[in-house]
Amino acid sequence: MRGAGVRLLDLVLPPRCLGCGEAVAAAGTLCGICWRGIGFITAPQCTACGRPFPHDMGADALCAVCVAAPLPFDRLRAAVLYDDASRPLILGFKHGDRMETAPLLAGWMARAGADMLADADLIAPVPLHRWRLFARRYNQAAVLAQRLGSLSGVRAVPDLLTRRRRTPSQGSLSREGRARNVAGAFALRPGRSVQGLRVVLVDDVYTTGATAAECARVLTRAGAARVDVLALARVLKGEVI
């Protein structure tokens, strides 16, 4: 009966591409043109930060950036390149109440972060300040974290971290300015423990990594055995995937 109901609904309201709105065969998907435009980040890549390599560099290869400045957490993976193709989807989900895109986006992340999710103990999102959460009504990173928990079977803890102070938007700040902006802004929620646990920290867009780094420091100081970062998208200016 449920299948018949879905087919009837599709006849009345044909499924549309989540990107451009063109008709597609199934709900919650992209059309072929939009799909081909998405820059998925795949191997070969840096074993630490996931930066894509133009060719296979061998097992456990590190990029020059990670050799020069090791990450403040264990590993980073992102599903897609943050560019003109992915930006409308991500901004629609983040600011436009496009919650119907969450299953697709979380599925991309689950594939990108399969190795880190395979032996994780819990998943936690980068938190929003309470006033920003009130204005937006949902934390997009928490929505993704809960979806990832359902897909992977790993426990998602949406309130593991708290944002102690409201910080200005990071958009117009330099790398150094972003780091100063979030310094001391996060804390482990009282009553929570990560002692000896392997944590996957979830965020929507990874740019300079200042926010993820600060959250990772909080978790590490609280005794986490490992902190990995899994982002939906990553800014890689001038780099080719």
C-alpha atoms as a PDB file:
ATOM      1  CA  MET A   1       0.000   0.000   0.000  1.00  0.00           C
ATOM      2  CA  ARG A   2       2.832   2.355   0.797  1.00  0.00           C
ATOM      3  CA  GLY A   3       4.440   1.681  -2.599  1.00  0.00           C
ATOM      4  CA  ALA A   4       1.145   2.331  -4.352  1.00  0.00           C
ATOM      5  CA  GLY A   5       0.764   5.563  -2.433  1.00  0.00           C
ATOM      6  CA  VAL A   6       4.233   6.723  -3.460  1.00  0.00           C
ATOM      7  CA  ARG A   7       3.507   5.922  -7.118  1.00  0.00           C
ATOM      8  CA  LEU A   8       0.205   7.802  -6.956  1.00  0.00           C
ATOM      9  CA  LEU A   9       1.916  10.808  -5.358  1.00  0.00           C
ATOM     10  CA  ASP A  10       4.583  10.758  -8.069  1.00  0.00           C
ATOM     11  CA  LEU A  11       1.846  10.917 -10.690  1.00  0.00           C
ATOM     12  CA  VAL A  12       0.244  13.932  -9.022  1.00  0.00           C
ATOM     13  CA  LEU A  13       3.507  15.631  -8.000  1.00  0.00           C
ATOM     14  CA  PRO A  14       6.352  14.275 -10.185  1.00  0.00           C
ATOM     15  CA  PRO A  15       9.714  14.117  -8.361  1.00  0.00           C
ATOM     16  CA  ARG A  16      12.060  16.997  -9.116  1.00  0.00           C
ATOM     17  CA  CYS A  17      15.836  17.326  -9.134  1.00  0.00           C
ATOM     18  CA  LEU A  18      17.045  18.741  -5.827  1.00  0.00           C
ATOM     19  CA  GLY A  19      19.388  21.009  -7.734  1.00  0.00           C
ATOM     20  CA  CYS A  20      17.624  22.496 -10.755  1.00  0.00           C
ATOM     21  CA  GLY A  21      14.034  21.342 -10.304  1.00  0.00           C
ATOM     22  CA  GLU A  22      13.858  19.307 -13.517  1.00  0.00           C
ATOM     23  CA  ALA A  23      11.852  16.077 -13.502  1.00  0.00           C
ATOM     24  CA  VAL A  24      13.753  12.992 -12.291  1.00  0.00           C
ATOM     25  CA  ALA A  25      12.930   9.308 -11.932  1.00  0.00           C
ATOM     26  CA  ALA A  26      12.973   9.253  -8.119  1.00  0.00           C
ATOM     27  CA  ALA A  27      12.519  11.768  -5.320  1.00  0.00           C
ATOM     28  CA  GLY A  28      15.530  12.989  -3.354  1.00  0.00           C
ATOM     29  CA  THR A  29      18.006  12.784  -6.240  1.00  0.00           C
ATOM     30  CA  LEU A  30      19.764  14.942  -8.805  1.00  0.00           C
ATOM     31  CA  CYS A  31      19.284  14.938 -12.550  1.00  0.00           C
ATOM     32  CA  GLY A  32      22.157  13.723 -14.713  1.00  0.00           C
ATOM     33  CA  ILE A  33      23.363  17.233 -15.541  1.00  0.00           C
ATOM     34  CA  CYS A  34      23.456  18.376 -11.905  1.00  0.00           C
ATOM     35  CA  TRP A  35      25.071  15.098 -10.815  1.00  0.00           C
ATOM     36  CA  ARG A  36      27.884  15.452 -13.343  1.00  0.00           C
ATOM     37  CA  GLY A  37      28.586  18.955 -12.060  1.00  0.00           C
ATOM     38  CA  ILE A  38      29.279  17.852  -8.473  1.00  0.00           C
ATOM     39  CA  GLY A  39      32.995  17.603  -7.675  1.00  0.00           C
ATOM     40  CA  PHE A  40      33.229  14.516  -5.480  1.00  0.00           C
ATOM     41  CA  ILE A  41      36.482  14.223  -3.520  1.00  0.00           C
ATOM     42  CA  THR A  42      37.833  10.709  -3.914  1.00  0.00           C
ATOM     43  CA  ALA A  43      41.107   8.775  -3.812  1.00  0.00           C
ATOM     44  CA  PRO A  44      43.960   9.222  -4.353  1.00  0.00           C
ATOM     45  CA  GLN A  45      44.189  11.700  -1.494  1.00  0.00           C
ATOM     46  CA  CYS A  46      46.306  12.765   1.465  1.00  0.00           C
ATOM     47  CA  THR A  47      45.980  10.174   4.213  1.00  0.00           C
ATOM     48  CA  ALA A  48      45.640  12.925   6.836  1.00  0.00           C
ATOM     49  CA  CYS A  49      43.599  15.807   5.404  1.00  0.00           C
ATOM     50  CA  GLY A  50      42.034  14.101   2.383  1.00  0.00           C
ATOM     51  CA  ARG A  51      43.419  16.645  -0.059  1.00  0.00           C
ATOM     52  CA  PRO A  52      43.095  15.068  -3.522  1.00  0.00           C
ATOM     53  CA  PHE A  53      46.261  14.094  -5.382  1.00  0.00           C
ATOM     54  CA  PRO A  54      46.563  14.322  -9.187  1.00  0.00           C
ATOM     55  CA  HIS A  55      47.921  10.762  -9.196  1.00  0.00           C
ATOM     56  CA  ASP A  56      48.569   7.915  -6.767  1.00  0.00           C
ATOM     57  CA  MET A  57      51.325   8.875  -4.318  1.00  0.00           C
ATOM     58  CA  GLY A  58      51.405   5.534  -2.521  1.00  0.00           C
ATOM     59  CA  ALA A  59      50.012   4.292   0.771  1.00  0.00           C
ATOM     60  CA  ASP A  60      49.976   6.749   3.706  1.00  0.00           C
ATOM     61  CA  ALA A  61      51.181   9.643   1.540  1.00  0.00           C
ATOM     62  CA  LEU A  62      50.892  13.118   3.048  1.00  0.00           C
ATOM     63  CA  CYS A  63      50.393  16.357   1.156  1.00  0.00           C
ATOM     64  CA  ALA A  64      52.923  19.180   1.503  1.00  0.00           C
ATOM     65  CA  VAL A  65      50.520  21.178   3.680  1.00  0.00           C
ATOM     66  CA  CYS A  66      50.198  18.375   6.253  1.00  0.00           C
ATOM     67  CA  VAL A  67      53.953  17.770   6.252  1.00  0.00           C
ATOM     68  CA  ALA A  68      54.586  21.455   6.982  1.00  0.00           C
ATOM     69  CA  ALA A  69      51.763  21.882   9.515  1.00  0.00           C
ATOM     70  CA  PRO A  70      50.191  18.687  10.919  1.00  0.00           C
ATOM     71  CA  LEU A  71      46.459  18.767  11.586  1.00  0.00           C
ATOM     72  CA  PRO A  72      45.243  19.534  15.137  1.00  0.00           C
ATOM     73  CA  PHE A  73      43.038  16.423  14.809  1.00  0.00           C
ATOM     74  CA  ASP A  74      43.634  12.971  13.345  1.00  0.00           C
ATOM     75  CA  ARG A  75      41.965  12.917   9.927  1.00  0.00           C
ATOM     76  CA  LEU A  76      39.806  15.074   7.709  1.00  0.00           C
ATOM     77  CA  ARG A  77      37.470  13.927   4.968  1.00  0.00           C
ATOM     78  CA  ALA A  78      34.983  15.909   2.892  1.00  0.00           C
ATOM     79  CA  ALA A  79      32.453  14.590   0.422  1.00  0.00           C
ATOM     80  CA  VAL A  80      32.455  17.285  -2.255  1.00  0.00           C
ATOM     81  CA  LEU A  81      34.205  20.382  -3.462  1.00  0.00           C
ATOM     82  CA  TYR A  82      32.515  23.609  -2.367  1.00  0.00           C
ATOM     83  CA  ASP A  83      32.007  25.318  -5.710  1.00  0.00           C
ATOM     84  CA  ASP A  84      29.357  26.751  -8.026  1.00  0.00           C
ATOM     85  CA  ALA A  85      27.722  23.342  -8.459  1.00  0.00           C
ATOM     86  CA  SER A  86      27.441  22.331  -4.798  1.00  0.00           C
ATOM     87  CA  ARG A  87      26.985  25.793  -3.264  1.00  0.00           C
ATOM     88  CA  PRO A  88      23.239  26.210  -4.051  1.00  0.00           C
ATOM     89  CA  LEU A  89      22.450  22.796  -2.560  1.00  0.00           C
ATOM     90  CA  ILE A  90      24.485  23.459   0.570  1.00  0.00           C
ATOM     91  CA  LEU A  91      23.231  26.998   1.145  1.00  0.00           C
ATOM     92  CA  GLY A  92      19.663  25.888   0.531  1.00  0.00           C
ATOM     93  CA  PHE A  93      20.060  23.198   3.179  1.00  0.00           C
ATOM     94  CA  LYS A  94      21.918  25.497   5.581  1.00  0.00           C
ATOM     95  CA  HIS A  95      19.824  28.638   5.333  1.00  0.00           C
ATOM     96  CA  GLY A  96      16.762  27.844   3.226  1.00  0.00           C
ATOM     97  CA  ASP A  97      15.010  25.055   5.145  1.00  0.00           C
ATOM     98  CA  ARG A  98      15.768  22.584   2.322  1.00  0.00           C
ATOM     99  CA  MET A  99      15.647  19.648   4.717  1.00  0.00           C
ATOM    100  CA  GLU A 100      14.660  17.298   1.911  1.00  0.00           C
ATOM    101  CA  THR A 101      18.277  17.421   0.712  1.00  0.00           C
ATOM    102  CA  ALA A 102      19.660  16.028   4.004  1.00  0.00           C
ATOM    103  CA  PRO A 103      19.415  12.300   3.101  1.00  0.00           C
ATOM    104  CA  LEU A 104      21.313  12.811  -0.152  1.00  0.00           C
ATOM    105  CA  LEU A 105      24.007  14.992   1.428  1.00  0.00           C
ATOM    106  CA  ALA A 106      24.477  12.683   4.411  1.00  0.00           C
ATOM    107  CA  GLY A 107      24.790   9.724   2.051  1.00  0.00           C
ATOM    108  CA  TRP A 108      27.644  11.458   0.263  1.00  0.00           C
ATOM    109  CA  MET A 109      29.342  12.083   3.619  1.00  0.00           C
ATOM    110  CA  ALA A 110      28.873   8.477   4.739  1.00  0.00           C
ATOM    111  CA  ARG A 111      30.727   7.257   1.667  1.00  0.00           C
ATOM    112  CA  ALA A 112      33.512   9.838   2.036  1.00  0.00           C
ATOM    113  CA  GLY A 113      34.003   9.048   5.724  1.00  0.00           C
ATOM    114  CA  ALA A 114      33.389   5.289   5.640  1.00  0.00           C
ATOM    115  CA  ASP A 115      36.814   4.432   7.100  1.00  0.00           C
ATOM    116  CA  MET A 116      36.538   6.814  10.055  1.00  0.00           C
ATOM    117  CA  LEU A 117      32.927   5.863  10.780  1.00  0.00           C
ATOM    118  CA  ALA A 118      33.766   2.150  10.717  1.00  0.00           C
ATOM    119  CA  ASP A 119      35.491   2.253  14.106  1.00  0.00           C
ATOM    120  CA  ALA A 120      34.079   5.427  15.672  1.00  0.00           C
ATOM    121  CA  ASP A 121      32.403   5.439  19.072  1.00  0.00           C
ATOM    122  CA  LEU A 122      30.251   8.490  18.544  1.00  0.00           C
ATOM    123  CA  ILE A 123      29.373  11.273  16.108  1.00  0.00           C
ATOM    124  CA  ALA A 124      29.014  14.896  17.216  1.00  0.00           C
ATOM    125  CA  PRO A 125      28.244  18.092  15.285  1.00  0.00           C
ATOM    126  CA  VAL A 126      29.914  21.471  15.501  1.00  0.00           C
ATOM    127  CA  PRO A 127      27.421  23.386  17.678  1.00  0.00           C
ATOM    128  CA  LEU A 128      25.593  26.631  16.984  1.00  0.00           C
ATOM    129  CA  HIS A 129      25.241  29.372  19.578  1.00  0.00           C
ATOM    130  CA  ARG A 130      21.766  29.264  21.148  1.00  0.00           C
ATOM    131  CA  TRP A 131      20.715  32.589  19.588  1.00  0.00           C
ATOM    132  CA  ARG A 132      21.786  31.518  16.114  1.00  0.00           C
ATOM    133  CA  LEU A 133      20.030  28.212  16.639  1.00  0.00           C
ATOM    134  CA  PHE A 134      16.878  30.078  17.682  1.00  0.00           C
ATOM    135  CA  ALA A 135      17.011  32.244  14.546  1.00  0.00           C
ATOM    136  CA  ARG A 136      17.756  29.351  12.159  1.00  0.00           C
ATOM    137  CA  ARG A 137      15.586  26.802  14.038  1.00  0.00           C
ATOM    138  CA  TYR A 138      17.979  23.915  13.380  1.00  0.00           C
ATOM    139  CA  ASN A 139      21.682  23.138  13.383  1.00  0.00           C
ATOM    140  CA  GLN A 140      22.533  21.837   9.920  1.00  0.00           C
ATOM    141  CA  ALA A 141      25.584  19.962  11.254  1.00  0.00           C
ATOM    142  CA  ALA A 142      23.406  18.222  13.863  1.00  0.00           C
ATOM    143  CA  VAL A 143      20.916  17.159  11.175  1.00  0.00           C
ATOM    144  CA  LEU A 144      23.770  15.632   9.168  1.00  0.00           C
ATOM    145  CA  ALA A 145      25.244  13.987  12.282  1.00  0.00           C
ATOM    146  CA  GLN A 146      21.951  12.307  13.120  1.00  0.00           C
ATOM    147  CA  ARG A 147      21.541  11.087   9.544  1.00  0.00           C
ATOM    148  CA  LEU A 148      25.078   9.723   9.611  1.00  0.00           C
ATOM    149  CA  GLY A 149      24.314   7.950  12.865  1.00  0.00           C
ATOM    150  CA  SER A 150      21.350   6.228  11.255  1.00  0.00           C
ATOM    151  CA  LEU A 151      23.375   5.247   8.184  1.00  0.00           C
ATOM    152  CA  SER A 152      26.434   3.980  10.078  1.00  0.00           C
ATOM    153  CA  GLY A 153      24.975   2.641  13.308  1.00  0.00           C
ATOM    154  CA  VAL A 154      27.325   4.896  15.300  1.00  0.00           C
ATOM    155  CA  ARG A 155      25.727   6.804  18.187  1.00  0.00           C
ATOM    156  CA  ALA A 156      25.088  10.460  17.350  1.00  0.00           C
ATOM    157  CA  VAL A 157      25.255  12.941  20.243  1.00  0.00           C
ATOM    158  CA  PRO A 158      23.934  16.276  18.922  1.00  0.00           C
ATOM    159  CA  ASP A 159      24.567  18.163  22.185  1.00  0.00           C
ATOM    160  CA  LEU A 160      28.055  16.869  23.008  1.00  0.00           C
ATOM    161  CA  LEU A 161      29.624  20.308  22.537  1.00  0.00           C
ATOM    162  CA  THR A 162      28.278  23.725  23.394  1.00  0.00           C
ATOM    163  CA  ARG A 163      29.113  27.147  21.983  1.00  0.00           C
ATOM    164  CA  ARG A 164      29.858  29.346  24.971  1.00  0.00           C
ATOM    165  CA  ARG A 165      29.808  32.675  23.194  1.00  0.00           C
ATOM    166  CA  ARG A 166      28.349  34.038  20.000  1.00  0.00           C
ATOM    167  CA  THR A 167      31.038  34.703  17.398  1.00  0.00           C
ATOM    168  CA  PRO A 168      30.822  36.930  14.315  1.00  0.00           C
ATOM    169  CA  SER A 169      30.452  35.241  10.946  1.00  0.00           C
ATOM    170  CA  GLN A 170      33.707  33.734   9.687  1.00  0.00           C
ATOM    171  CA  GLY A 171      33.013  34.585   6.052  1.00  0.00           C
ATOM    172  CA  SER A 172      35.033  37.794   5.748  1.00  0.00           C
ATOM    173  CA  LEU A 173      37.859  36.874   8.129  1.00  0.00           C
ATOM    174  CA  SER A 174      41.409  35.801   7.295  1.00  0.00           C
ATOM    175  CA  ARG A 175      42.812  32.453   8.412  1.00  0.00           C
ATOM    176  CA  GLU A 176      44.350  34.092  11.484  1.00  0.00           C
ATOM    177  CA  GLY A 177      41.190  36.080  12.147  1.00  0.00           C
ATOM    178  CA  ARG A 178      39.058  32.933  12.041  1.00  0.00           C
ATOM    179  CA  ALA A 179      41.310  31.223  14.577  1.00  0.00           C
ATOM    180  CA  ARG A 180      41.113  34.221  16.946  1.00  0.00           C
ATOM    181  CA  ASN A 181      37.363  34.460  16.441  1.00  0.00           C
ATOM    182  CA  VAL A 182      36.636  30.937  17.713  1.00  0.00           C
ATOM    183  CA  ALA A 183      39.382  30.655  20.346  1.00  0.00           C
ATOM    184  CA  GLY A 184      37.756  29.511  23.585  1.00  0.00           C
ATOM    185  CA  ALA A 185      34.278  29.536  22.031  1.00  0.00           C
ATOM    186  CA  PHE A 186      33.493  25.837  22.599  1.00  0.00           C
ATOM    187  CA  ALA A 187      33.218  23.527  25.589  1.00  0.00           C
ATOM    188  CA  LEU A 188      32.180  19.996  26.409  1.00  0.00           C
ATOM    189  CA  ARG A 189      28.624  20.054  27.699  1.00  0.00           C
ATOM    190  CA  PRO A 190      28.517  19.418  31.470  1.00  0.00           C
ATOM    191  CA  GLY A 191      27.786  15.810  32.283  1.00  0.00           C
ATOM    192  CA  ARG A 192      29.208  14.501  29.007  1.00  0.00           C
ATOM    193  CA  SER A 193      32.362  12.391  28.740  1.00  0.00           C
ATOM    194  CA  VAL A 194      34.576  11.459  25.807  1.00  0.00           C
ATOM    195  CA  GLN A 195      37.326   9.815  27.834  1.00  0.00           C
ATOM    196  CA  GLY A 196      38.971   7.161  25.661  1.00  0.00           C
ATOM    197  CA  LEU A 197      36.401   7.530  22.862  1.00  0.00           C
ATOM    198  CA  ARG A 198      36.897   7.915  19.114  1.00  0.00           C
ATOM    199  CA  VAL A 199      34.853  10.897  17.952  1.00  0.00           C
ATOM    200  CA  VAL A 200      33.814  11.932  14.443  1.00  0.00           C
ATOM    201  CA  LEU A 201      33.159  15.680  14.394  1.00  0.00           C
ATOM    202  CA  VAL A 202      30.658  16.749  11.716  1.00  0.00           C
ATOM    203  CA  ASP A 203      30.540  20.127   9.957  1.00  0.00           C
ATOM    204  CA  ASP A 204      28.970  21.432   6.768  1.00  0.00           C
ATOM    205  CA  VAL A 205      31.774  23.369   5.032  1.00  0.00           C
ATOM    206  CA  TYR A 206      35.482  23.119   5.853  1.00  0.00           C
ATOM    207  CA  THR A 207      37.370  26.279   4.873  1.00  0.00           C
ATOM    208  CA  THR A 208      40.456  27.042   6.970  1.00  0.00           C
ATOM    209  CA  GLY A 209      39.606  24.502   9.652  1.00  0.00           C
ATOM    210  CA  ALA A 210      39.639  27.006  12.525  1.00  0.00           C
ATOM    211  CA  THR A 211      36.276  25.916  13.932  1.00  0.00           C
ATOM    212  CA  ALA A 212      36.977  22.201  13.608  1.00  0.00           C
ATOM    213  CA  ALA A 213      40.422  22.661  15.152  1.00  0.00           C
ATOM    214  CA  GLU A 214      39.041  24.470  18.194  1.00  0.00           C
ATOM    215  CA  CYS A 215      36.346  21.832  18.722  1.00  0.00           C
ATOM    216  CA  ALA A 216      38.960  19.079  18.349  1.00  0.00           C
ATOM    217  CA  ARG A 217      41.162  20.704  20.998  1.00  0.00           C
ATOM    218  CA  VAL A 218      38.256  20.707  23.436  1.00  0.00           C
ATOM    219  CA  LEU A 219      37.585  17.023  22.798  1.00  0.00           C
ATOM    220  CA  THR A 220      41.258  16.072  23.017  1.00  0.00           C
ATOM    221  CA  ARG A 221      41.719  17.942  26.296  1.00  0.00           C
ATOM    222  CA  ALA A 222      38.663  16.103  27.602  1.00  0.00           C
ATOM    223  CA  GLY A 223      40.384  12.779  26.915  1.00  0.00           C
ATOM    224  CA  ALA A 224      39.117  11.701  23.488  1.00  0.00           C
ATOM    225  CA  ALA A 225      41.309   8.951  22.077  1.00  0.00           C
ATOM    226  CA  ARG A 226      40.889  10.221  18.511  1.00  0.00           C
ATOM    227  CA  VAL A 227      39.111  13.071  16.773  1.00  0.00           C
ATOM    228  CA  ASP A 228      38.329  12.869  13.057  1.00  0.00           C
ATOM    229  CA  VAL A 229      36.526  15.568  11.089  1.00  0.00           C
ATOM    230  CA  LEU A 230      33.924  14.760   8.448  1.00  0.00           C
ATOM    231  CA  ALA A 231      32.616  17.676   6.368  1.00  0.00           C
ATOM    232  CA  LEU A 232      30.008  17.838   3.672  1.00  0.00           C
ATOM    233  CA  ALA A 233      32.098  20.156   1.493  1.00  0.00           C
ATOM    234  CA  ARG A 234      35.564  21.629   1.401  1.00  0.00           C
ATOM    235  CA  VAL A 235      36.984  24.806  -0.046  1.00  0.00           C
ATOM    236  CA  LEU A 236      40.014  24.037  -2.244  1.00  0.00           C
ATOM    237  CA  LYS A 237      40.796  27.220  -4.134  1.00  0.00           C
ATOM    238  CA  GLY A 238      42.838  26.742  -7.256  1.00  0.00           C
ATOM    239  CA  GLU A 239      43.148  22.973  -6.805  1.00  0.00           C
ATOM    240  CA  VAL A 240      41.985  20.327  -9.233  1.00  0.00           C
ATOM    241  CA  ILE A 241      40.129  17.187  -8.215  1.00  0.00           C
END
